[in-house]
N, C-alpha and C. Protein backbone atom coordinates (compact mmCIF):
# COMPACT_ATOMS: atom_id res chain seq x y z
N MET A 1 30.76 2.68 3.56
CA MET A 1 29.99 1.63 2.90
C MET A 1 30.85 1.02 1.81
N ASN A 2 30.91 -0.32 1.79
CA ASN A 2 31.60 -0.98 0.68
C ASN A 2 30.63 -1.85 -0.08
N GLU A 3 31.06 -2.35 -1.22
CA GLU A 3 30.16 -3.11 -2.09
C GLU A 3 29.67 -4.42 -1.47
N ASN A 4 30.47 -5.02 -0.60
CA ASN A 4 30.09 -6.30 -0.01
C ASN A 4 29.16 -6.15 1.18
N ASN A 5 29.12 -4.97 1.76
CA ASN A 5 28.30 -4.75 2.95
C ASN A 5 27.60 -3.40 2.87
N PRO A 6 26.60 -3.31 1.97
CA PRO A 6 25.92 -2.02 1.83
C PRO A 6 25.10 -1.68 3.08
N ILE A 7 25.01 -0.40 3.38
CA ILE A 7 24.21 0.05 4.51
C ILE A 7 22.74 -0.05 4.11
N LYS A 8 21.96 -0.67 4.98
CA LYS A 8 20.53 -0.83 4.69
C LYS A 8 19.74 0.24 5.43
N SER A 9 18.78 0.80 4.72
CA SER A 9 17.92 1.81 5.31
C SER A 9 16.91 1.15 6.24
N LYS A 10 16.61 1.82 7.34
CA LYS A 10 15.58 1.32 8.25
C LYS A 10 14.20 1.80 7.84
N ASP A 11 14.15 2.67 6.84
CA ASP A 11 12.88 3.19 6.34
C ASP A 11 12.23 2.15 5.43
N PRO A 12 11.07 1.62 5.82
CA PRO A 12 10.42 0.58 5.00
C PRO A 12 9.95 1.10 3.64
N LEU A 13 9.90 2.41 3.46
CA LEU A 13 9.50 2.97 2.18
C LEU A 13 10.70 3.19 1.25
N HIS A 14 11.91 3.06 1.79
CA HIS A 14 13.12 3.30 1.01
C HIS A 14 13.19 2.35 -0.19
N GLY A 15 13.37 2.92 -1.35
CA GLY A 15 13.53 2.13 -2.55
C GLY A 15 12.23 1.69 -3.20
N LEU A 16 11.10 2.00 -2.57
CA LEU A 16 9.81 1.61 -3.15
C LEU A 16 9.27 2.73 -4.03
N THR A 17 8.71 2.34 -5.14
CA THR A 17 8.04 3.34 -5.98
C THR A 17 6.62 3.55 -5.47
N LEU A 18 6.07 4.69 -5.80
CA LEU A 18 4.68 4.96 -5.43
C LEU A 18 3.76 3.93 -6.09
N GLU A 19 4.10 3.52 -7.29
CA GLU A 19 3.30 2.50 -7.97
C GLU A 19 3.29 1.19 -7.21
N ALA A 20 4.45 0.79 -6.68
CA ALA A 20 4.53 -0.45 -5.90
C ALA A 20 3.69 -0.35 -4.63
N ILE A 21 3.69 0.82 -4.00
CA ILE A 21 2.91 1.03 -2.78
C ILE A 21 1.42 0.94 -3.08
N VAL A 22 0.97 1.64 -4.11
CA VAL A 22 -0.46 1.63 -4.46
C VAL A 22 -0.89 0.21 -4.86
N THR A 23 -0.08 -0.46 -5.64
CA THR A 23 -0.41 -1.83 -6.07
C THR A 23 -0.53 -2.77 -4.88
N ALA A 24 0.39 -2.66 -3.93
CA ALA A 24 0.34 -3.51 -2.73
C ALA A 24 -0.92 -3.22 -1.92
N LEU A 25 -1.29 -1.95 -1.80
CA LEU A 25 -2.49 -1.59 -1.05
C LEU A 25 -3.75 -2.13 -1.73
N VAL A 26 -3.80 -2.04 -3.05
CA VAL A 26 -4.96 -2.57 -3.78
C VAL A 26 -5.03 -4.08 -3.62
N ASP A 27 -3.89 -4.75 -3.69
CA ASP A 27 -3.88 -6.21 -3.52
C ASP A 27 -4.35 -6.62 -2.13
N TYR A 28 -3.98 -5.83 -1.12
CA TYR A 28 -4.31 -6.17 0.26
C TYR A 28 -5.74 -5.77 0.64
N PHE A 29 -6.12 -4.53 0.30
CA PHE A 29 -7.42 -4.01 0.73
C PHE A 29 -8.50 -4.09 -0.35
N GLY A 30 -8.11 -4.00 -1.61
CA GLY A 30 -9.08 -3.87 -2.69
C GLY A 30 -9.46 -2.40 -2.85
N TRP A 31 -9.96 -2.03 -4.03
CA TRP A 31 -10.29 -0.63 -4.30
C TRP A 31 -11.37 -0.10 -3.38
N GLU A 32 -12.41 -0.92 -3.12
CA GLU A 32 -13.53 -0.43 -2.32
C GLU A 32 -13.09 -0.03 -0.91
N GLU A 33 -12.37 -0.92 -0.24
CA GLU A 33 -11.91 -0.61 1.12
C GLU A 33 -10.88 0.51 1.10
N LEU A 34 -10.03 0.52 0.09
CA LEU A 34 -9.04 1.58 -0.03
C LEU A 34 -9.73 2.95 -0.15
N GLY A 35 -10.80 3.00 -0.93
CA GLY A 35 -11.57 4.23 -1.08
C GLY A 35 -12.28 4.64 0.19
N GLN A 36 -12.63 3.67 1.03
CA GLN A 36 -13.26 4.00 2.31
C GLN A 36 -12.23 4.51 3.31
N ARG A 37 -11.04 3.96 3.27
CA ARG A 37 -9.99 4.35 4.21
C ARG A 37 -9.38 5.71 3.86
N ILE A 38 -9.22 5.96 2.54
CA ILE A 38 -8.69 7.24 2.08
C ILE A 38 -9.64 7.73 0.98
N GLU A 39 -10.43 8.72 1.31
CA GLU A 39 -11.48 9.17 0.40
C GLU A 39 -10.94 10.12 -0.66
N ILE A 40 -10.45 9.52 -1.73
CA ILE A 40 -10.05 10.31 -2.89
C ILE A 40 -10.72 9.70 -4.12
N ARG A 41 -11.09 10.55 -5.06
CA ARG A 41 -11.86 10.13 -6.23
C ARG A 41 -11.17 9.00 -7.01
N SER A 42 -9.86 9.06 -7.12
CA SER A 42 -9.17 8.05 -7.93
C SER A 42 -9.20 6.66 -7.29
N PHE A 43 -9.63 6.57 -6.03
CA PHE A 43 -9.82 5.26 -5.39
C PHE A 43 -11.28 4.82 -5.45
N VAL A 44 -12.20 5.78 -5.68
CA VAL A 44 -13.63 5.48 -5.57
C VAL A 44 -14.32 5.43 -6.94
N ILE A 45 -14.07 6.43 -7.77
CA ILE A 45 -14.76 6.53 -9.06
C ILE A 45 -13.83 6.04 -10.16
N ASP A 46 -14.20 4.94 -10.80
CA ASP A 46 -13.41 4.34 -11.87
C ASP A 46 -11.93 4.22 -11.47
N PRO A 47 -11.65 3.47 -10.38
CA PRO A 47 -10.29 3.42 -9.85
C PRO A 47 -9.30 2.72 -10.79
N SER A 48 -8.10 3.26 -10.80
CA SER A 48 -6.99 2.62 -11.51
C SER A 48 -5.68 3.08 -10.88
N VAL A 49 -4.66 2.26 -11.06
CA VAL A 49 -3.35 2.63 -10.53
C VAL A 49 -2.87 3.90 -11.22
N ALA A 50 -3.04 3.98 -12.54
CA ALA A 50 -2.55 5.15 -13.29
C ALA A 50 -3.19 6.45 -12.81
N SER A 51 -4.52 6.46 -12.65
CA SER A 51 -5.18 7.70 -12.20
C SER A 51 -4.78 8.03 -10.77
N SER A 52 -4.59 7.02 -9.95
CA SER A 52 -4.18 7.24 -8.57
C SER A 52 -2.78 7.85 -8.51
N LEU A 53 -1.86 7.32 -9.32
CA LEU A 53 -0.50 7.84 -9.33
C LEU A 53 -0.47 9.30 -9.78
N LYS A 54 -1.24 9.61 -10.79
CA LYS A 54 -1.29 10.98 -11.30
C LYS A 54 -1.74 11.94 -10.20
N PHE A 55 -2.78 11.57 -9.47
CA PHE A 55 -3.29 12.41 -8.38
C PHE A 55 -2.30 12.48 -7.22
N LEU A 56 -1.78 11.33 -6.80
CA LEU A 56 -0.91 11.29 -5.62
C LEU A 56 0.39 12.06 -5.84
N ARG A 57 0.89 12.06 -7.05
CA ARG A 57 2.14 12.78 -7.34
C ARG A 57 1.96 14.29 -7.23
N LYS A 58 0.72 14.77 -7.40
CA LYS A 58 0.44 16.20 -7.32
C LYS A 58 -0.13 16.63 -5.98
N THR A 59 -0.43 15.68 -5.10
CA THR A 59 -1.17 15.99 -3.88
C THR A 59 -0.45 15.41 -2.65
N PRO A 60 0.44 16.21 -2.05
CA PRO A 60 1.25 15.71 -0.93
C PRO A 60 0.45 15.13 0.24
N TRP A 61 -0.68 15.76 0.62
CA TRP A 61 -1.44 15.24 1.78
C TRP A 61 -1.97 13.85 1.49
N ALA A 62 -2.40 13.60 0.25
CA ALA A 62 -2.94 12.28 -0.10
C ALA A 62 -1.82 11.25 -0.15
N ARG A 63 -0.67 11.64 -0.68
CA ARG A 63 0.47 10.72 -0.72
C ARG A 63 0.90 10.33 0.69
N THR A 64 0.89 11.29 1.60
CA THR A 64 1.24 11.01 3.00
C THR A 64 0.27 9.99 3.60
N LYS A 65 -1.02 10.14 3.32
CA LYS A 65 -2.02 9.19 3.83
C LYS A 65 -1.80 7.80 3.24
N VAL A 66 -1.47 7.73 1.95
CA VAL A 66 -1.24 6.44 1.30
C VAL A 66 0.00 5.77 1.90
N GLU A 67 1.06 6.54 2.10
CA GLU A 67 2.28 5.97 2.70
C GLU A 67 2.01 5.50 4.12
N SER A 68 1.23 6.24 4.88
CA SER A 68 0.89 5.84 6.25
C SER A 68 0.07 4.55 6.26
N LEU A 69 -0.87 4.46 5.34
CA LEU A 69 -1.68 3.24 5.25
C LEU A 69 -0.82 2.05 4.84
N TYR A 70 0.16 2.28 3.98
CA TYR A 70 1.07 1.21 3.58
C TYR A 70 1.86 0.70 4.80
N LEU A 71 2.35 1.61 5.63
CA LEU A 71 3.08 1.21 6.84
C LEU A 71 2.17 0.44 7.79
N PHE A 72 0.91 0.88 7.91
CA PHE A 72 -0.07 0.16 8.72
C PHE A 72 -0.27 -1.25 8.17
N MET A 73 -0.36 -1.38 6.84
CA MET A 73 -0.54 -2.68 6.20
C MET A 73 0.64 -3.60 6.52
N LEU A 74 1.85 -3.06 6.48
CA LEU A 74 3.03 -3.87 6.79
C LEU A 74 2.97 -4.39 8.23
N ARG A 75 2.53 -3.52 9.16
CA ARG A 75 2.40 -3.96 10.56
C ARG A 75 1.34 -5.04 10.70
N GLU A 76 0.23 -4.87 10.00
CA GLU A 76 -0.85 -5.88 10.03
C GLU A 76 -0.35 -7.21 9.48
N GLN A 77 0.38 -7.18 8.39
CA GLN A 77 0.90 -8.41 7.79
C GLN A 77 1.88 -9.10 8.73
N ALA A 78 2.72 -8.33 9.40
CA ALA A 78 3.68 -8.90 10.36
C ALA A 78 2.93 -9.53 11.52
N ARG A 79 1.86 -8.86 11.99
CA ARG A 79 1.05 -9.39 13.09
C ARG A 79 0.37 -10.69 12.68
N GLU A 80 -0.14 -10.73 11.44
CA GLU A 80 -0.80 -11.94 10.94
C GLU A 80 0.16 -13.11 10.84
N GLN A 81 1.40 -12.85 10.46
CA GLN A 81 2.39 -13.91 10.34
C GLN A 81 2.78 -14.48 11.69
N ARG A 82 2.75 -13.63 12.73
CA ARG A 82 3.09 -14.11 14.07
C ARG A 82 2.01 -15.01 14.66
N ASN A 83 0.79 -14.85 14.22
CA ASN A 83 -0.33 -15.63 14.79
C ASN A 83 -0.53 -16.93 14.09
């Protein structure tokens, strides 16, 4: 790898912070739908990005679900752009 031609990761999550992922999901789905899709208290009861991040950083299964939903959202957005 050289400075003029860096190797790009094929992982769509590469370089993204958990905060960026949660924020994008909230912007796309809204808190209510997000709480229906992934049933965790920080999405349903008094939702906030800060409380969600605190929970997700300590709870691997929930973080995995959030990352999976983010990848689903990216596919949906790509599909919408093609139509």
